[in-house]
Amino acid sequence: MRTGGGKPSKGTAEAKTDEENRLDIAEKVQYLFDHYSKADGERYTPATIERASRGRLKYKWVWQLTRAEIWRPSINDLVELTKIFGCEPEIWVTSLEVWKKQEQATDEQNIQDGETLQNIIAIRSKRLNGQGQKLVLDMIKSLEQSGFIRL
C-alpha cells in the first residue's frame, strides 16, 4: 500500500498539485462512503473496508484517505476500493461531477435499452445508505399492503 510516492509531473497542463490530488481522492472516497452501502444496507466504514479487503487496506489508511492525508494511493488500492464499493472504475480518472452525470446517464440509457426497471431500482437502491434502503423497503411494503404489488 502506498501512502505518497513521487511528485506528479509538473510538465503537463493537466498535472495537479499535491493538495489538489489529496482533495480529489478524498472527495471521491467520501462520496462512495456517503452514497454506496453494503449488501445488508449498512454504510461502509474504514473498519468494514479493512475487513472486506482482508486487511490489505488498513483502517487508519482508509481514514487518512478520506481526510486528504494521502494523495497518491496505488492502482491496486483503487482497484480494491472499486471492488468493495461496487462502483465504476472511471471514478478515479474523471472529475466527480462528470462521473456522477455519467452514472445517471448510464442508468437512463439502460432503461431506454430495455433493461428492466427492477434492475435499475436494485442498482440505485444499492447506492443508498442503510436508512435510504430501509425507506425504499418500507415504500415497497406499503405498496404491497395497498394492493399495488401482487404477492
Foldseek 3Di string as FASTA:
>chain_A
DDQEDDQPDPPDPPGDHQQVLLVQQLVLLVLLQQFADDPLQAGDALVVLCVQLVNPRHSVNSVCSNVSSGRDDDPVVLVSVCVRRVHDSCSNVDGVVVRVVVVVVVLVVCVVVPNDPVVSCVVNLRRHHSVSVVVVVVVVVVCVVVVVDDD
